Amino acid sequence: MDVKNCKMCGRLFNYMGSGKPICPACASKLEDKFFEVREYVRDHKDAGINQVAEENDVPVSQIKQWIREERLAFSDNSPVGIECENCGASIKTGRFCKACKDILANGLNNAVAKPKVVLQEKKQETDKKAQVRFMDKM
C-alpha cells in the first residue's frame, strides 16, 4: 500500500496500485459522471465530443479515455471519433482500428507458432540419433 494525494481533490488516501491515483470519493463521482455521459450519448446520437464534454461538464480527455477503455462507444454514423494509436485512422471505440488489430493478432500468432516448428525439428534430430545401427562383420 502507498499513501498518495488524489489527483482530483488533493486529499490523502491509500493507493492500491491500480488505475489512476484518485480517492474512492472522487472515483465514485467520476463513475456517476460516466453514467451521465453514457445516457447523454444515447439520447443525442449526433452530438460531437466537444458538445458532450460541455453539456456534462467533463473534460474531453476523460471522454477519450472512456472510449479507449471501450466503456463508451459511438455509432458508426456519429461524428465522434478518436485516432488509432498505430496508424491514426478514425475509430469509434478502443485503441486500434480493425486493420491494426488484425496485424497485431497475426504478429502474435506467428510469434507463438515459430517455437513449435523448432521443437519438431529438434525432435526429428534426436530421433535420428536414437536409431540403432549395426556394423557389418568382416
C-alpha atoms as a PDB file:
ATOM      1  CA  MET A   1       0.000   0.000   0.000  1.00  0.00           C
ATOM      2  CA  ASP A   2       1.051   3.515  -0.745  1.00  0.00           C
ATOM      3  CA  VAL A   3      -0.303   6.834   0.538  1.00  0.00           C
ATOM      4  CA  LYS A   4      -0.859   9.376  -2.254  1.00  0.00           C
ATOM      5  CA  ASN A   5      -2.639  12.619  -2.892  1.00  0.00           C
ATOM      6  CA  CYS A   6      -5.770  12.369  -5.024  1.00  0.00           C
ATOM      7  CA  LYS A   7      -5.207  13.873  -8.486  1.00  0.00           C
ATOM      8  CA  MET A   8      -8.686  15.408  -8.421  1.00  0.00           C
ATOM      9  CA  CYS A   9      -9.244  16.785  -4.920  1.00  0.00           C
ATOM     10  CA  GLY A  10      -5.789  16.595  -3.308  1.00  0.00           C
ATOM     11  CA  ARG A  11      -6.823  14.505  -0.277  1.00  0.00           C
ATOM     12  CA  LEU A  12      -4.551  11.755   1.044  1.00  0.00           C
ATOM     13  CA  PHE A  13      -5.708   8.177   0.537  1.00  0.00           C
ATOM     14  CA  ASN A  14      -4.341   4.637   0.486  1.00  0.00           C
ATOM     15  CA  TYR A  15      -3.410   3.925  -3.122  1.00  0.00           C
ATOM     16  CA  MET A  16      -3.705   0.242  -4.001  1.00  0.00           C
ATOM     17  CA  GLY A  17      -1.642   0.491  -7.178  1.00  0.00           C
ATOM     18  CA  SER A  18      -4.322   0.055  -9.837  1.00  0.00           C
ATOM     19  CA  GLY A  19      -5.586   2.742 -12.170  1.00  0.00           C
ATOM     20  CA  LYS A  20      -5.495   6.477 -11.709  1.00  0.00           C
ATOM     21  CA  PRO A  21      -4.378   7.753  -8.306  1.00  0.00           C
ATOM     22  CA  ILE A  22      -7.750   9.140  -7.224  1.00  0.00           C
ATOM     23  CA  CYS A  23      -9.509   8.681  -3.893  1.00  0.00           C
ATOM     24  CA  PRO A  24     -12.610   6.473  -3.591  1.00  0.00           C
ATOM     25  CA  ALA A  25     -14.918   9.506  -3.233  1.00  0.00           C
ATOM     26  CA  CYS A  26     -13.646  11.064  -6.481  1.00  0.00           C
ATOM     27  CA  ALA A  27     -13.730   7.673  -8.211  1.00  0.00           C
ATOM     28  CA  SER A  28     -17.403   7.377  -7.276  1.00  0.00           C
ATOM     29  CA  LYS A  29     -18.113  10.892  -8.614  1.00  0.00           C
ATOM     30  CA  LEU A  30     -16.262  10.047 -11.835  1.00  0.00           C
ATOM     31  CA  GLU A  31     -18.308   6.859 -12.223  1.00  0.00           C
ATOM     32  CA  ASP A  32     -21.518   8.871 -11.788  1.00  0.00           C
ATOM     33  CA  LYS A  33     -20.298  11.284 -14.495  1.00  0.00           C
ATOM     34  CA  PHE A  34     -19.640   8.327 -16.781  1.00  0.00           C
ATOM     35  CA  PHE A  35     -23.265   7.173 -16.473  1.00  0.00           C
ATOM     36  CA  GLU A  36     -24.456  10.738 -17.181  1.00  0.00           C
ATOM     37  CA  VAL A  37     -22.293  10.916 -20.305  1.00  0.00           C
ATOM     38  CA  ARG A  38     -23.431   7.487 -21.461  1.00  0.00           C
ATOM     39  CA  GLU A  39     -27.094   8.479 -21.150  1.00  0.00           C
ATOM     40  CA  TYR A  40     -26.441  11.788 -22.916  1.00  0.00           C
ATOM     41  CA  VAL A  41     -24.757   9.989 -25.819  1.00  0.00           C
ATOM     42  CA  ARG A  42     -27.703   7.577 -26.092  1.00  0.00           C
ATOM     43  CA  ASP A  43     -30.164  10.480 -26.213  1.00  0.00           C
ATOM     44  CA  HIS A  44     -28.079  12.704 -28.538  1.00  0.00           C
ATOM     45  CA  LYS A  45     -26.583  10.355 -31.124  1.00  0.00           C
ATOM     46  CA  ASP A  46     -25.387  13.176 -33.403  1.00  0.00           C
ATOM     47  CA  ALA A  47     -23.572  15.193 -30.686  1.00  0.00           C
ATOM     48  CA  GLY A  48     -19.861  15.880 -31.134  1.00  0.00           C
ATOM     49  CA  ILE A  49     -17.271  15.111 -28.480  1.00  0.00           C
ATOM     50  CA  ASN A  50     -16.884  18.798 -27.527  1.00  0.00           C
ATOM     51  CA  GLN A  51     -20.642  19.183 -27.119  1.00  0.00           C
ATOM     52  CA  VAL A  52     -20.807  16.055 -24.957  1.00  0.00           C
ATOM     53  CA  ALA A  53     -17.971  17.400 -22.800  1.00  0.00           C
ATOM     54  CA  GLU A  54     -19.536  20.848 -22.377  1.00  0.00           C
ATOM     55  CA  GLU A  55     -23.046  19.608 -21.635  1.00  0.00           C
ATOM     56  CA  ASN A  56     -21.848  17.131 -18.992  1.00  0.00           C
ATOM     57  CA  ASP A  57     -19.002  19.225 -17.511  1.00  0.00           C
ATOM     58  CA  VAL A  58     -16.423  16.521 -18.259  1.00  0.00           C
ATOM     59  CA  PRO A  59     -13.027  17.110 -19.906  1.00  0.00           C
ATOM     60  CA  VAL A  60     -12.636  15.862 -23.487  1.00  0.00           C
ATOM     61  CA  SER A  61      -9.590  13.858 -22.365  1.00  0.00           C
ATOM     62  CA  GLN A  62     -11.776  11.893 -19.911  1.00  0.00           C
ATOM     63  CA  ILE A  63     -14.303  11.081 -22.643  1.00  0.00           C
ATOM     64  CA  LYS A  64     -11.463   9.931 -24.903  1.00  0.00           C
ATOM     65  CA  GLN A  65     -10.137   7.729 -22.097  1.00  0.00           C
ATOM     66  CA  TRP A  66     -13.541   6.068 -21.691  1.00  0.00           C
ATOM     67  CA  ILE A  67     -13.619   5.489 -25.448  1.00  0.00           C
ATOM     68  CA  ARG A  68     -10.121   3.934 -25.403  1.00  0.00           C
ATOM     69  CA  GLU A  69     -11.133   1.704 -22.469  1.00  0.00           C
ATOM     70  CA  GLU A  70     -14.107   0.560 -24.603  1.00  0.00           C
ATOM     71  CA  ARG A  71     -16.532   1.657 -21.906  1.00  0.00           C
ATOM     72  CA  LEU A  72     -18.053   4.280 -24.198  1.00  0.00           C
ATOM     73  CA  ALA A  73     -18.813   3.594 -27.857  1.00  0.00           C
ATOM     74  CA  PHE A  74     -20.386   5.685 -30.562  1.00  0.00           C
ATOM     75  CA  SER A  75     -22.472   4.595 -33.536  1.00  0.00           C
ATOM     76  CA  ASP A  76     -20.912   4.418 -36.990  1.00  0.00           C
ATOM     77  CA  ASN A  77     -22.813   7.489 -38.202  1.00  0.00           C
ATOM     78  CA  SER A  78     -21.753   9.598 -35.179  1.00  0.00           C
ATOM     79  CA  PRO A  79     -19.281  12.455 -35.801  1.00  0.00           C
ATOM     80  CA  VAL A  80     -17.308  11.409 -32.712  1.00  0.00           C
ATOM     81  CA  GLY A  81     -14.100   9.545 -33.389  1.00  0.00           C
ATOM     82  CA  ILE A  82     -10.634   9.140 -31.952  1.00  0.00           C
ATOM     83  CA  GLU A  83      -7.398   8.201 -33.649  1.00  0.00           C
ATOM     84  CA  CYS A  84      -5.988   4.685 -33.873  1.00  0.00           C
ATOM     85  CA  GLU A  85      -2.821   4.619 -31.749  1.00  0.00           C
ATOM     86  CA  ASN A  86      -0.925   2.827 -34.500  1.00  0.00           C
ATOM     87  CA  CYS A  87      -1.935   4.376 -37.845  1.00  0.00           C
ATOM     88  CA  GLY A  88      -4.069   7.414 -36.888  1.00  0.00           C
ATOM     89  CA  ALA A  89      -7.266   6.236 -38.613  1.00  0.00           C
ATOM     90  CA  SER A  90     -10.561   7.401 -37.105  1.00  0.00           C
ATOM     91  CA  ILE A  91     -12.195   4.805 -34.816  1.00  0.00           C
ATOM     92  CA  LYS A  92     -15.309   4.814 -32.633  1.00  0.00           C
ATOM     93  CA  THR A  93     -14.030   2.780 -29.674  1.00  0.00           C
ATOM     94  CA  GLY A  94     -10.890   1.038 -28.416  1.00  0.00           C
ATOM     95  CA  ARG A  95      -7.238   1.804 -29.115  1.00  0.00           C
ATOM     96  CA  PHE A  96      -6.679   0.336 -32.577  1.00  0.00           C
ATOM     97  CA  CYS A  97      -8.584   0.142 -35.872  1.00  0.00           C
ATOM     98  CA  LYS A  98      -9.635  -3.253 -37.259  1.00  0.00           C
ATOM     99  CA  ALA A  99      -6.708  -3.420 -39.712  1.00  0.00           C
ATOM    100  CA  CYS A 100      -4.135  -2.744 -36.977  1.00  0.00           C
ATOM    101  CA  LYS A 101      -5.826  -5.243 -34.626  1.00  0.00           C
ATOM    102  CA  ASP A 102      -5.547  -7.900 -37.340  1.00  0.00           C
ATOM    103  CA  ILE A 103      -1.874  -7.092 -37.937  1.00  0.00           C
ATOM    104  CA  LEU A 104      -1.117  -7.281 -34.206  1.00  0.00           C
ATOM    105  CA  ALA A 105      -3.048 -10.547 -33.818  1.00  0.00           C
ATOM    106  CA  ASN A 106      -1.259 -12.133 -36.789  1.00  0.00           C
ATOM    107  CA  GLY A 107       2.095 -10.990 -35.422  1.00  0.00           C
ATOM    108  CA  LEU A 108       1.342 -12.573 -32.055  1.00  0.00           C
ATOM    109  CA  ASN A 109       0.097 -15.785 -33.662  1.00  0.00           C
ATOM    110  CA  ASN A 110       3.248 -16.027 -35.779  1.00  0.00           C
ATOM    111  CA  ALA A 111       5.450 -15.431 -32.744  1.00  0.00           C
ATOM    112  CA  VAL A 112       3.734 -18.233 -30.862  1.00  0.00           C
ATOM    113  CA  ALA A 113       3.750 -20.660 -33.817  1.00  0.00           C
ATOM    114  CA  LYS A 114       7.515 -20.452 -34.517  1.00  0.00           C
ATOM    115  CA  PRO A 115       8.741 -22.313 -31.423  1.00  0.00           C
ATOM    116  CA  LYS A 116       6.521 -25.299 -32.318  1.00  0.00           C
ATOM    117  CA  VAL A 117       8.363 -25.717 -35.640  1.00  0.00           C
ATOM    118  CA  VAL A 118      11.727 -25.525 -33.907  1.00  0.00           C
ATOM    119  CA  LEU A 119      10.660 -28.136 -31.365  1.00  0.00           C
ATOM    120  CA  GLN A 120       9.562 -30.541 -34.132  1.00  0.00           C
ATOM    121  CA  GLU A 121      12.907 -30.169 -35.931  1.00  0.00           C
ATOM    122  CA  LYS A 122      14.824 -30.883 -32.716  1.00  0.00           C
ATOM    123  CA  LYS A 123      12.659 -33.944 -32.063  1.00  0.00           C
ATOM    124  CA  GLN A 124      13.461 -35.327 -35.528  1.00  0.00           C
ATOM    125  CA  GLU A 125      17.195 -34.818 -34.903  1.00  0.00           C
ATOM    126  CA  THR A 126      17.022 -36.702 -31.583  1.00  0.00           C
ATOM    127  CA  ASP A 127      15.012 -39.499 -33.230  1.00  0.00           C
ATOM    128  CA  LYS A 128      17.761 -39.928 -35.829  1.00  0.00           C
ATOM    129  CA  LYS A 129      20.428 -40.094 -33.114  1.00  0.00           C
ATOM    130  CA  ALA A 130      18.463 -42.693 -31.159  1.00  0.00           C
ATOM    131  CA  GLN A 131      18.265 -45.170 -34.046  1.00  0.00           C
ATOM    132  CA  VAL A 132      20.031 -48.491 -33.637  1.00  0.00           C
ATOM    133  CA  ARG A 133      22.893 -49.029 -36.073  1.00  0.00           C
ATOM    134  CA  PHE A 134      24.511 -52.337 -36.926  1.00  0.00           C
ATOM    135  CA  MET A 135      28.053 -52.743 -38.045  1.00  0.00           C
ATOM    136  CA  ASP A 136      28.916 -55.352 -40.666  1.00  0.00           C
ATOM    137  CA  LYS A 137      31.298 -58.060 -39.542  1.00  0.00           C
ATOM    138  CA  MET A 138      34.162 -58.917 -41.782  1.00  0.00           C
END
